Amino acid sequence: MKTFKISYFVVVLITFLAIAITLSEPLRVEASHRDRYGLVITATQGNKGGNRTSAMTCDKSPKVCRLKGSSGRDCCRKRCVDLRTNKLNCGRCGKSCQYSEICCKGYCVNPMFDKRHCGEDNMDRISGLSDELLVKILSFLPTEDAVSTSVLSKQWRFLWMWLPKLEYHDYYATNPPDTSDLRYRDFIDKNLPLHKAPVLESLVLKSCNAALFQPENIKLWVGIAVSRCVRELTLSIRYNSPRNKPFVPLPSSFYTCCSSLTALKLKGESIFVDVPQSVNLPSLKTLKLRDVTYLNDDALRLLLSNCTALEELFIDRYGEADDNVRALVVENSTLQRLTLKMYSEHLGVQHVIVTPSLKYFKLYDEGHSSSYSIEHMPKLEEADIDVSSSLDELLGSMTPVKRLSLRQFFNRDDESVLTVGAVFNHLEHVKLSFYSDDWSKLLVWLLRNSPKLRELNIYVDQSDSQFQDYTPVEWKNRSSVPECLQNTLETFKFEGFMGTQEEGDFLSFFFKNASCLKSTSITDYVTQRGT
């Protein structure tokens, strides 16, 4: 049976606090011990000021185990011990308890569901600390461990309900779930509505077991988070069952009443994005959608158009599942960072990007039939492009870029990019990765159209190239030399050198005309691969 255990950190922390508070308290009972097993001599002041001394053992007077300095608060075989950790095997437990259990009043119990309140008296001794401080301490722990402290004492019973961040997951649950797994789900159902923090900073729900965290459970919990003014919500739903995976729709109140939300992260094909017409997410700044399923092509467009404060968008369509989108439209006037990870075998997949405030753009697309319609990005500073399709639809909209990383499977039969009338007047840093012959065509074109280039980093991998010939690039006169070679280029790095004619022709011309170089590095293919 799966059980929940208190973290070692919790135990150490609570012990430290208990000792600290105990040492700070005034001496209430003076005692000198004859030995550490309960045979003590206590000195107390009588009603009339006289002293009386007596020798007692805990079996006759159990209260002696509660004196300061006692080795435990329980009596076992005439000795004061701590039944949770003693090695005398008192009662019905001791060494027989499992790792996640403790020995409490003679029984091995699970602290998560124990009703004996083991150690309650000990934990109440640290009640001098404020609840605010204790909640801050609990916030450093995983939610499961923080919740498990509710059995320590009356004071701790409800402290976890004030935690600003909660995370629940069933990654260690059995399939099908056993009694303890279902009890954990029921525990969330019962206690999450009792959460008392005025603002829920973060709620994380992760599930891969459809029988444990069902769609109605998750929908209910998200609704509770909305009512608690949640600021960051993370849902990761990946059910292991290959067939009949349930869809998890978000409650409609999430799209219309969650004005406090600043970050939303959805992951898993079971998450169903069904956006109503009246979307209201005015504070949302970060949105990450990974392998989710959309109702239709219009769902994403409708969602983004109503996020008036959005700054970062991450869309991953690289999974095996079909997300139902054939025309992906990203249109947002405030977006500053955009990451698209694409892979689709569908023909004619269209991508429309209208982001006038974009500063960072990363595109990874292994699809061979995708098309892009991208409006000019006047504020673009950095772009990372890794595509298998033609570049002419992409580079023409990125002329303001300052840093460009480009990975391209380029062949000599596709020269459309060379006809694009784009000049990169602000481009200073370029990293290029080529995986075929005739790479020098694209390189020369880019150098000629980057007059302020300062750093050039090239990686060439022709080990699996299907092309063995190339058309030499010639500069017939001085005017054809790229301006950046003569005036600005200072750093040059070439990796994967194999000594081909194409490499030799390019490097010969490059070093002949690069008059401003300060740093140069060339690494051959064998050294690069470490073979």
Protein backbone atom coordinates (compact mmCIF):
# COMPACT_ATOMS: atom_id res chain seq x y z
CA MET A 1 0.00 0.00 0.00
CA LYS A 2 1.30 3.41 -0.93
CA THR A 3 1.84 5.70 2.06
CA PHE A 4 2.91 9.28 2.53
CA LYS A 5 5.91 10.12 4.61
CA ILE A 6 7.17 13.16 6.46
CA SER A 7 10.32 14.56 4.95
CA TYR A 8 13.57 14.21 6.87
CA PHE A 9 13.86 17.96 6.56
CA VAL A 10 10.57 18.42 8.39
CA VAL A 11 11.70 16.21 11.24
CA VAL A 12 15.06 17.96 11.57
CA LEU A 13 13.46 21.37 11.30
CA ILE A 14 10.78 20.68 13.90
CA THR A 15 13.31 19.16 16.28
CA PHE A 16 15.56 22.18 15.96
CA LEU A 17 12.70 24.59 16.59
CA ALA A 18 11.47 22.59 19.57
CA ILE A 19 14.94 22.64 21.13
CA ALA A 20 15.32 26.35 20.47
CA ILE A 21 12.00 27.20 22.08
CA THR A 22 12.63 24.86 24.99
CA LEU A 23 15.98 26.47 25.75
CA SER A 24 14.43 29.90 25.62
CA GLU A 25 11.73 29.05 28.17
CA PRO A 26 12.30 29.71 31.91
CA LEU A 27 13.15 26.76 34.08
CA ARG A 28 9.86 25.46 35.43
CA VAL A 29 10.94 22.32 37.20
CA GLU A 30 14.31 21.77 38.78
CA ALA A 31 15.50 18.20 38.38
CA SER A 32 18.65 16.16 38.72
CA HIS A 33 18.81 12.76 37.14
CA ARG A 34 20.30 9.68 38.64
CA ASP A 35 20.35 8.06 35.20
CA ARG A 36 18.75 8.57 31.80
CA TYR A 37 16.17 5.80 32.03
CA GLY A 38 13.60 7.31 34.33
CA LEU A 39 14.98 6.82 37.83
CA VAL A 40 15.05 10.41 38.95
CA ILE A 41 15.21 12.55 42.04
CA THR A 42 13.02 15.62 41.75
CA ALA A 43 13.13 18.69 43.91
CA THR A 44 10.01 20.83 44.19
CA GLN A 45 8.96 23.56 46.53
CA GLY A 46 6.10 22.72 48.88
CA ASN A 47 3.19 24.97 49.70
CA LYS A 48 4.89 26.24 52.81
CA GLY A 49 8.27 26.78 51.27
CA GLY A 50 9.81 23.52 52.41
CA ASN A 51 11.68 21.11 50.15
CA ARG A 52 10.83 17.50 49.71
CA THR A 53 12.92 14.94 47.87
CA SER A 54 11.75 11.62 46.55
CA ALA A 55 13.01 8.90 44.21
CA MET A 56 10.57 7.80 41.55
CA THR A 57 10.43 5.61 38.47
CA CYS A 58 8.14 6.32 35.56
CA ASP A 59 6.03 3.20 36.02
CA LYS A 60 4.90 4.55 39.39
CA SER A 61 4.79 8.21 38.40
CA PRO A 62 4.54 8.64 34.59
CA LYS A 63 4.79 12.41 34.91
CA VAL A 64 8.53 12.17 35.56
CA CYS A 65 8.98 11.55 31.82
CA ARG A 66 7.59 14.99 31.17
CA LEU A 67 10.29 16.72 33.17
CA LYS A 68 12.81 18.81 31.31
CA GLY A 69 15.83 16.75 30.29
CA SER A 70 13.96 13.46 30.12
CA SER A 71 15.04 11.11 27.33
CA GLY A 72 11.43 10.64 26.28
CA ARG A 73 7.86 11.40 27.20
CA ASP A 74 6.67 7.78 27.25
CA CYS A 75 7.31 5.12 29.89
CA CYS A 76 8.51 1.69 28.78
CA ARG A 77 9.95 -0.93 31.13
CA LYS A 78 10.50 1.68 33.84
CA ARG A 79 12.38 3.90 31.40
CA CYS A 80 11.47 7.18 29.75
CA VAL A 81 11.63 6.71 25.98
CA ASP A 82 10.28 8.17 22.77
CA LEU A 83 7.97 5.48 21.37
CA ARG A 84 8.42 6.81 17.86
CA THR A 85 12.13 6.06 17.78
CA ASN A 86 12.88 3.71 20.69
CA LYS A 87 14.68 0.43 20.16
CA LEU A 88 13.17 -1.37 23.15
CA ASN A 89 10.30 -2.65 21.01
CA CYS A 90 7.80 -1.42 23.53
CA GLY A 91 4.19 -2.17 22.80
CA ARG A 92 3.42 -3.54 19.35
CA CYS A 93 5.99 -1.68 17.23
CA GLY A 94 9.53 -0.33 17.51
CA LYS A 95 11.82 -1.71 14.81
CA SER A 96 8.89 -3.36 13.06
CA CYS A 97 7.57 -0.07 11.65
CA GLN A 98 8.09 0.61 7.97
CA TYR A 99 10.14 3.55 6.72
CA SER A 100 7.12 5.77 6.17
CA GLU A 101 5.55 4.90 9.53
CA ILE A 102 6.23 5.93 13.09
CA CYS A 103 5.70 4.10 16.36
CA CYS A 104 3.01 5.94 18.27
CA LYS A 105 1.55 4.75 21.56
CA GLY A 106 2.48 1.18 20.77
CA TYR A 107 1.24 1.19 17.16
CA CYS A 108 2.87 1.64 13.76
CA VAL A 109 0.93 4.45 12.15
CA ASN A 110 1.01 6.48 8.96
CA PRO A 111 1.46 10.11 10.04
CA MET A 112 -0.62 11.29 7.08
CA PHE A 113 -3.77 9.67 8.42
CA ASP A 114 -2.94 9.14 12.08
CA LYS A 115 -5.62 10.25 14.53
CA ARG A 116 -3.58 9.77 17.69
CA HIS A 117 -1.77 13.11 17.22
CA CYS A 118 1.61 11.63 18.08
CA GLY A 119 4.00 14.16 19.47
CA GLU A 120 1.24 16.73 19.84
CA ASP A 121 2.41 17.81 23.27
CA ASN A 122 6.00 18.15 22.07
CA MET A 123 5.04 20.21 19.04
CA ASP A 124 2.81 22.48 21.07
CA ARG A 125 5.95 23.64 22.88
CA ILE A 126 6.98 25.66 19.83
CA SER A 127 3.70 27.54 19.82
CA GLY A 128 5.65 30.65 20.70
CA LEU A 129 6.53 31.03 17.01
CA SER A 130 4.05 32.97 14.91
CA ASP A 131 1.89 31.19 12.38
CA GLU A 132 3.27 33.47 9.66
CA LEU A 133 6.80 32.25 10.32
CA LEU A 134 5.76 28.60 10.40
CA VAL A 135 3.90 28.98 7.10
CA LYS A 136 7.08 30.43 5.55
CA ILE A 137 8.99 27.39 6.81
CA LEU A 138 6.42 25.00 5.32
CA SER A 139 6.51 26.82 1.98
CA PHE A 140 10.01 25.40 1.38
CA LEU A 141 8.67 21.84 1.50
CA PRO A 142 6.82 19.73 -1.06
CA THR A 143 3.09 20.04 -0.53
CA GLU A 144 2.75 16.40 0.53
CA ASP A 145 5.31 16.86 3.31
CA ALA A 146 3.83 20.18 4.38
CA VAL A 147 0.38 18.62 4.62
CA SER A 148 1.73 15.70 6.65
CA THR A 149 2.74 18.10 9.44
CA SER A 150 -0.96 18.58 10.21
CA VAL A 151 -0.76 15.54 12.52
CA LEU A 152 2.00 17.00 14.67
CA SER A 153 -0.15 19.17 16.92
CA LYS A 154 -3.26 21.25 17.15
CA GLN A 155 -1.33 24.34 16.13
CA TRP A 156 0.06 22.66 13.01
CA ARG A 157 -3.21 21.02 12.01
CA PHE A 158 -4.34 23.85 9.73
CA LEU A 159 -1.11 25.72 8.98
CA TRP A 160 -0.65 24.10 5.57
CA MET A 161 -3.97 25.59 4.45
CA TRP A 162 -2.29 29.00 4.40
CA LEU A 163 0.47 27.92 2.01
CA PRO A 164 0.67 30.29 -0.99
CA LYS A 165 1.86 27.52 -3.35
CA LEU A 166 0.38 24.04 -3.76
CA GLU A 167 1.50 21.13 -5.94
CA TYR A 168 -0.28 17.81 -6.32
CA HIS A 169 0.74 14.92 -8.53
CA ASP A 170 0.08 11.20 -8.86
CA TYR A 171 3.35 10.21 -10.55
CA TYR A 172 3.99 7.55 -7.91
CA ALA A 173 0.46 6.22 -7.85
CA THR A 174 -0.28 2.64 -8.80
CA ASN A 175 -2.37 1.73 -11.83
CA PRO A 176 -5.09 0.87 -11.03
CA PRO A 177 -4.90 3.03 -7.90
CA ASP A 178 -4.97 1.38 -4.50
CA THR A 179 -6.75 2.55 -1.36
CA SER A 180 -4.02 5.02 -0.38
CA ASP A 181 -4.03 6.63 -3.85
CA LEU A 182 -7.77 7.16 -3.75
CA ARG A 183 -7.50 8.46 -0.21
CA TYR A 184 -4.99 11.05 -1.42
CA ARG A 185 -7.40 12.20 -4.14
CA ASP A 186 -10.24 12.37 -1.60
CA PHE A 187 -7.95 14.32 0.72
CA ILE A 188 -7.51 17.00 -1.98
CA ASP A 189 -11.26 17.02 -2.67
CA LYS A 190 -11.97 17.58 1.00
CA ASN A 191 -9.22 20.02 1.94
CA LEU A 192 -8.54 22.17 -1.12
CA PRO A 193 -11.88 23.99 -0.70
CA LEU A 194 -10.77 24.79 2.87
CA HIS A 195 -7.61 26.55 1.72
CA LYS A 196 -7.49 29.88 3.53
CA ALA A 197 -4.76 31.91 1.82
CA PRO A 198 -6.36 35.09 0.40
CA VAL A 199 -4.31 34.71 -2.80
CA LEU A 200 -3.10 31.42 -4.22
CA GLU A 201 0.28 32.21 -5.76
CA SER A 202 0.69 28.90 -7.57
CA LEU A 203 -1.23 25.67 -8.15
CA VAL A 204 0.42 22.71 -9.92
CA LEU A 205 -1.61 19.63 -10.87
CA LYS A 206 0.19 16.73 -12.56
CA SER A 207 -1.49 13.48 -13.46
CA CYS A 208 -0.90 10.39 -15.58
CA ASN A 209 -3.57 8.16 -14.06
CA ALA A 210 -7.08 8.60 -15.47
CA ALA A 211 -8.60 6.45 -12.73
CA LEU A 212 -7.17 8.67 -10.00
CA PHE A 213 -7.30 12.27 -11.22
CA GLN A 214 -10.38 12.27 -13.41
CA PRO A 215 -11.46 15.23 -15.56
CA GLU A 216 -14.24 16.21 -13.16
CA ASN A 217 -11.72 16.30 -10.29
CA ILE A 218 -9.29 18.52 -12.16
CA LYS A 219 -12.07 20.79 -13.41
CA LEU A 220 -13.32 21.22 -9.84
CA TRP A 221 -9.85 21.99 -8.48
CA VAL A 222 -9.15 24.56 -11.20
CA GLY A 223 -12.47 26.21 -10.38
CA ILE A 224 -11.45 26.43 -6.72
CA ALA A 225 -8.11 27.96 -7.76
CA VAL A 226 -9.96 30.61 -9.76
CA SER A 227 -12.04 31.48 -6.71
CA ARG A 228 -8.79 31.84 -4.73
CA CYS A 229 -7.38 34.36 -7.25
CA VAL A 230 -4.67 32.00 -8.50
CA ARG A 231 -1.71 33.73 -10.17
CA GLU A 232 0.18 30.79 -11.69
CA LEU A 233 -1.52 27.61 -12.88
CA THR A 234 0.27 24.53 -14.23
CA LEU A 235 -1.59 21.50 -15.58
CA SER A 236 0.32 18.48 -16.84
CA ILE A 237 -2.10 15.71 -17.81
CA ARG A 238 -0.67 12.66 -19.55
CA TYR A 239 -2.71 9.51 -19.18
CA ASN A 240 -0.87 6.25 -19.77
CA SER A 241 -3.82 4.46 -21.35
CA PRO A 242 -3.20 4.36 -25.12
CA ARG A 243 -6.92 4.30 -25.90
CA ASN A 244 -9.95 6.18 -24.71
CA LYS A 245 -7.97 8.99 -23.16
CA PRO A 246 -10.42 11.37 -21.50
CA PHE A 247 -10.44 15.06 -22.38
CA VAL A 248 -9.94 17.55 -19.57
CA PRO A 249 -11.78 20.82 -20.31
CA LEU A 250 -11.15 23.86 -18.17
CA PRO A 251 -14.16 25.47 -16.47
CA SER A 252 -15.62 28.42 -18.38
CA SER A 253 -15.03 30.63 -15.31
CA PHE A 254 -11.32 30.15 -15.87
CA TYR A 255 -11.41 32.07 -19.17
CA THR A 256 -13.85 34.74 -18.03
CA CYS A 257 -13.24 35.36 -14.29
CA CYS A 258 -9.53 34.73 -13.72
CA SER A 259 -8.29 38.33 -13.81
CA SER A 260 -5.42 37.57 -11.38
CA LEU A 261 -3.73 34.92 -13.56
CA THR A 262 -0.21 35.90 -14.71
CA ALA A 263 1.17 32.53 -15.91
CA LEU A 264 -0.57 29.55 -17.50
CA LYS A 265 1.20 26.30 -18.45
CA LEU A 266 -0.79 23.48 -20.07
CA LYS A 267 0.80 20.18 -21.11
CA GLY A 268 -0.76 17.02 -22.48
CA GLU A 269 -3.04 15.98 -25.33
CA SER A 270 -5.86 15.30 -22.86
CA ILE A 271 -6.18 19.01 -22.06
CA PHE A 272 -8.99 20.40 -24.21
CA VAL A 273 -8.76 24.10 -25.08
CA ASP A 274 -12.32 25.31 -25.69
CA VAL A 275 -12.26 29.09 -25.51
CA PRO A 276 -15.55 31.02 -25.12
CA GLN A 277 -16.18 34.26 -26.97
CA SER A 278 -15.95 36.40 -23.81
CA VAL A 279 -12.34 35.80 -22.75
CA ASN A 280 -10.97 37.97 -19.96
CA LEU A 281 -7.35 37.32 -18.94
CA PRO A 282 -6.03 40.88 -18.52
CA SER A 283 -3.02 39.98 -16.33
CA LEU A 284 -1.71 36.96 -18.23
CA LYS A 285 1.96 37.49 -19.18
CA THR A 286 3.24 33.95 -19.76
CA LEU A 287 1.42 31.26 -21.76
CA LYS A 288 2.85 27.81 -22.52
CA LEU A 289 0.84 25.29 -24.54
CA ARG A 290 2.47 21.92 -25.06
CA ASP A 291 0.74 19.18 -27.07
CA VAL A 292 -2.73 20.31 -26.04
CA THR A 293 -5.85 19.67 -28.09
CA TYR A 294 -7.75 22.66 -29.48
CA LEU A 295 -11.45 22.76 -30.24
CA ASN A 296 -10.75 24.25 -33.68
CA ASP A 297 -8.44 26.62 -35.58
CA ASP A 298 -10.09 29.64 -34.00
CA ALA A 299 -9.55 28.61 -30.36
CA LEU A 300 -5.93 29.75 -30.13
CA ARG A 301 -6.51 32.96 -32.08
CA LEU A 302 -9.42 33.89 -29.83
CA LEU A 303 -7.40 33.18 -26.70
CA LEU A 304 -4.38 35.24 -27.77
CA SER A 305 -6.37 38.19 -29.05
CA ASN A 306 -7.87 38.72 -25.58
CA CYS A 307 -4.58 38.49 -23.63
CA THR A 308 -3.81 42.19 -23.57
CA ALA A 309 -0.73 41.91 -21.33
CA LEU A 310 0.88 38.79 -22.86
CA GLU A 311 4.69 38.93 -23.08
CA GLU A 312 5.84 35.32 -23.57
CA LEU A 313 4.24 32.56 -25.64
CA PHE A 314 5.50 28.99 -26.04
CA ILE A 315 3.66 26.60 -28.36
CA ASP A 316 4.79 23.00 -28.78
CA ARG A 317 3.10 20.95 -31.51
CA TYR A 318 5.82 18.33 -31.69
CA GLY A 319 3.97 15.48 -29.97
CA GLU A 320 2.42 12.44 -31.63
CA ALA A 321 -1.15 13.55 -30.98
CA ASP A 322 -3.19 15.56 -33.47
CA ASP A 323 -4.11 18.97 -32.03
CA ASN A 324 -6.83 19.66 -34.66
CA VAL A 325 -5.18 22.85 -35.94
CA ARG A 326 -4.44 23.38 -39.64
CA ALA A 327 -4.08 27.15 -39.55
CA LEU A 328 -2.19 28.40 -36.54
CA VAL A 329 -2.66 32.14 -36.03
CA VAL A 330 -0.49 34.03 -33.53
CA GLU A 331 -1.72 37.59 -33.40
CA ASN A 332 -0.89 39.72 -30.38
CA SER A 333 0.32 43.32 -30.12
CA THR A 334 2.11 43.00 -26.73
CA LEU A 335 4.00 39.73 -27.27
CA GLN A 336 7.79 40.03 -26.79
CA ARG A 337 9.01 36.39 -26.77
CA LEU A 338 7.67 33.67 -29.09
CA THR A 339 8.79 30.04 -29.28
CA LEU A 340 7.22 27.65 -31.79
CA LYS A 341 8.14 23.96 -31.88
CA MET A 342 6.44 22.29 -34.83
CA TYR A 343 6.22 18.94 -36.49
CA SER A 344 3.35 17.96 -38.75
CA GLU A 345 2.81 15.44 -41.50
CA HIS A 346 -0.34 17.22 -42.64
CA LEU A 347 -0.18 18.96 -46.02
CA GLY A 348 -0.70 22.68 -46.30
CA VAL A 349 -0.31 23.63 -42.64
CA GLN A 350 -0.35 27.43 -42.44
CA HIS A 351 1.21 29.67 -39.81
CA VAL A 352 0.24 33.32 -39.55
CA ILE A 353 2.32 35.48 -37.19
CA VAL A 354 1.45 39.10 -36.44
CA THR A 355 3.58 40.28 -33.51
CA PRO A 356 4.77 43.90 -33.91
CA SER A 357 6.37 44.06 -30.42
CA LEU A 358 8.33 40.82 -30.68
CA LYS A 359 11.96 40.92 -29.47
CA TYR A 360 12.83 37.20 -29.42
CA PHE A 361 11.68 34.57 -31.94
CA LYS A 362 12.56 30.88 -31.89
CA LEU A 363 11.23 28.50 -34.53
CA TYR A 364 11.84 24.76 -34.77
CA ASP A 365 9.94 23.08 -37.60
CA GLU A 366 10.63 19.64 -39.06
CA GLY A 367 7.57 19.73 -41.30
CA HIS A 368 8.24 19.83 -45.05
CA SER A 369 4.91 21.26 -46.16
CA SER A 370 4.43 24.14 -43.73
CA SER A 371 3.96 27.69 -44.95
CA TYR A 372 4.51 30.94 -43.08
CA SER A 373 3.01 34.37 -43.38
CA ILE A 374 4.93 36.68 -41.05
CA GLU A 375 4.42 40.39 -40.80
CA HIS A 376 7.40 42.66 -40.28
CA MET A 377 8.91 42.56 -36.76
CA PRO A 378 10.32 46.07 -36.23
CA LYS A 379 11.59 45.42 -32.67
CA LEU A 380 13.15 41.99 -33.22
CA GLU A 381 16.55 41.61 -31.52
CA GLU A 382 17.24 37.86 -31.56
CA ALA A 383 16.05 34.98 -33.76
CA ASP A 384 16.78 31.25 -33.62
CA ILE A 385 15.55 29.50 -36.78
CA ASP A 386 15.72 25.74 -37.39
CA VAL A 387 13.55 24.69 -40.33
CA SER A 388 13.42 22.16 -43.13
CA SER A 389 11.42 24.36 -45.50
CA SER A 390 12.45 27.38 -47.54
CA LEU A 391 13.72 30.49 -45.78
CA ASP A 392 12.33 33.14 -48.11
CA GLU A 393 9.08 33.41 -46.12
CA LEU A 394 10.98 33.92 -42.89
CA LEU A 395 14.07 36.07 -43.34
CA GLY A 396 12.30 38.86 -45.19
CA SER A 397 10.36 39.80 -42.01
CA MET A 398 13.40 39.69 -39.70
CA THR A 399 15.64 42.42 -41.06
CA PRO A 400 15.86 44.36 -37.74
CA VAL A 401 17.40 41.35 -35.96
CA LYS A 402 20.72 41.81 -34.13
CA ARG A 403 21.53 38.17 -33.30
CA LEU A 404 20.66 35.35 -35.70
CA SER A 405 21.06 31.60 -35.32
CA LEU A 406 20.17 29.65 -38.45
CA ARG A 407 20.14 25.89 -39.05
CA GLN A 408 19.19 24.86 -42.56
CA PHE A 409 19.14 21.76 -44.73
CA PHE A 410 19.76 23.81 -47.83
CA ASN A 411 20.24 22.38 -51.33
CA ARG A 412 21.42 24.07 -54.50
CA ASP A 413 18.08 23.57 -56.27
CA ASP A 414 16.30 25.92 -53.86
CA GLU A 415 17.56 29.44 -54.49
CA SER A 416 14.41 31.35 -53.58
CA VAL A 417 15.99 32.85 -50.49
CA LEU A 418 18.73 34.44 -52.59
CA THR A 419 16.17 36.58 -54.39
CA VAL A 420 14.77 38.13 -51.20
CA GLY A 421 15.62 41.83 -51.16
CA ALA A 422 16.39 41.91 -47.43
CA VAL A 423 19.19 43.93 -45.84
CA PHE A 424 20.09 43.25 -42.20
CA ASN A 425 21.37 46.66 -41.20
CA HIS A 426 21.44 45.85 -37.47
CA LEU A 427 22.76 42.28 -37.59
CA GLU A 428 25.95 41.89 -35.53
CA HIS A 429 26.14 38.21 -34.46
CA VAL A 430 25.43 35.21 -36.73
CA LYS A 431 25.59 31.48 -36.05
CA LEU A 432 25.02 29.27 -39.13
CA SER A 433 24.73 25.47 -39.30
CA PHE A 434 24.73 23.78 -42.72
CA TYR A 435 24.02 20.13 -43.56
CA SER A 436 24.52 19.91 -47.34
CA ASP A 437 26.67 21.10 -50.21
CA ASP A 438 26.26 24.54 -51.75
CA TRP A 439 26.06 26.10 -48.29
CA SER A 440 28.35 28.89 -49.46
CA LYS A 441 25.56 30.36 -51.59
CA LEU A 442 23.44 31.21 -48.59
CA LEU A 443 26.48 32.33 -46.59
CA VAL A 444 27.68 34.74 -49.26
CA TRP A 445 24.18 36.14 -49.69
CA LEU A 446 23.92 36.78 -45.95
CA LEU A 447 27.37 38.39 -45.73
CA ARG A 448 26.57 40.77 -48.57
CA ASN A 449 23.37 41.86 -46.84
CA SER A 450 24.81 42.30 -43.32
CA PRO A 451 27.01 45.42 -43.50
CA LYS A 452 27.55 45.69 -39.71
CA LEU A 453 28.30 42.04 -38.92
CA ARG A 454 30.89 41.66 -36.13
CA GLU A 455 30.86 37.94 -35.28
CA LEU A 456 30.47 34.94 -37.62
CA ASN A 457 30.17 31.37 -36.33
CA ILE A 458 29.86 28.59 -38.93
CA TYR A 459 29.29 24.86 -38.50
CA VAL A 460 29.33 22.61 -41.61
CA ASP A 461 28.33 18.93 -41.57
CA GLN A 462 28.65 17.28 -44.98
CA SER A 463 29.10 13.73 -43.70
CA ASP A 464 25.65 12.65 -44.95
CA SER A 465 25.41 15.03 -47.89
CA GLN A 466 23.69 13.77 -51.03
CA PHE A 467 25.39 16.38 -53.21
CA GLN A 468 28.98 16.01 -54.32
CA ASP A 469 29.33 19.02 -56.59
CA TYR A 470 28.72 22.70 -56.13
CA THR A 471 28.73 25.80 -58.25
CA PRO A 472 31.74 27.93 -57.23
CA VAL A 473 30.95 31.41 -55.97
CA GLU A 474 33.05 34.04 -57.73
CA TRP A 475 33.78 37.66 -56.95
CA LYS A 476 34.88 39.25 -60.20
CA ASN A 477 35.91 42.58 -58.72
CA ARG A 478 36.56 44.37 -55.46
CA SER A 479 33.07 45.82 -55.30
CA SER A 480 31.58 42.35 -54.83
CA VAL A 481 33.41 41.87 -51.51
CA PRO A 482 30.92 42.04 -48.60
CA GLU A 483 31.18 45.32 -46.74
CA CYS A 484 31.34 43.63 -43.32
CA LEU A 485 34.58 41.82 -44.27
CA GLN A 486 36.31 45.11 -44.93
CA ASN A 487 34.93 47.21 -42.07
CA THR A 488 33.34 45.39 -39.09
CA LEU A 489 33.89 41.61 -38.85
CA GLU A 490 36.17 40.90 -35.85
CA THR A 491 35.46 37.30 -34.78
CA PHE A 492 35.35 34.22 -37.02
CA LYS A 493 34.82 30.58 -36.02
CA PHE A 494 34.59 27.62 -38.41
CA GLU A 495 33.71 24.10 -37.17
CA GLY A 496 33.49 20.79 -39.08
CA PHE A 497 36.22 21.55 -41.65
CA MET A 498 36.76 18.59 -44.02
CA GLY A 499 39.00 20.12 -46.68
CA THR A 500 36.46 20.17 -49.49
CA GLN A 501 36.86 22.44 -52.52
CA GLU A 502 33.86 24.51 -51.38
CA GLU A 503 35.47 25.12 -47.99
CA GLY A 504 38.83 25.92 -49.55
CA ASP A 505 37.38 28.45 -52.00
CA PHE A 506 35.43 30.23 -49.29
CA LEU A 507 38.25 30.38 -46.73
CA SER A 508 40.74 31.56 -49.34
CA PHE A 509 38.57 34.51 -50.30
CA PHE A 510 37.53 35.18 -46.70
CA PHE A 511 41.04 35.57 -45.26
CA LYS A 512 42.15 37.55 -48.29
CA ASN A 513 39.52 40.24 -47.68
CA ALA A 514 38.75 40.13 -43.93
CA SER A 515 40.82 43.10 -42.80
CA CYS A 516 39.43 43.65 -39.27
CA LEU A 517 39.75 40.17 -37.75
CA LYS A 518 40.83 39.96 -34.11
CA SER A 519 39.94 36.33 -33.32
CA THR A 520 39.92 33.26 -35.60
CA SER A 521 39.23 29.57 -34.92
CA ILE A 522 39.02 26.62 -37.34
CA THR A 523 38.22 23.09 -36.10
CA ASP A 524 38.36 20.09 -38.42
CA TYR A 525 35.60 17.47 -38.57
CA VAL A 526 37.63 14.72 -36.85
CA THR A 527 38.50 16.92 -33.90
CA GLN A 528 34.95 18.23 -33.70
CA ARG A 529 33.54 14.69 -33.51
CA GLY A 530 36.24 13.48 -31.15
CA THR A 531 37.13 10.51 -33.36
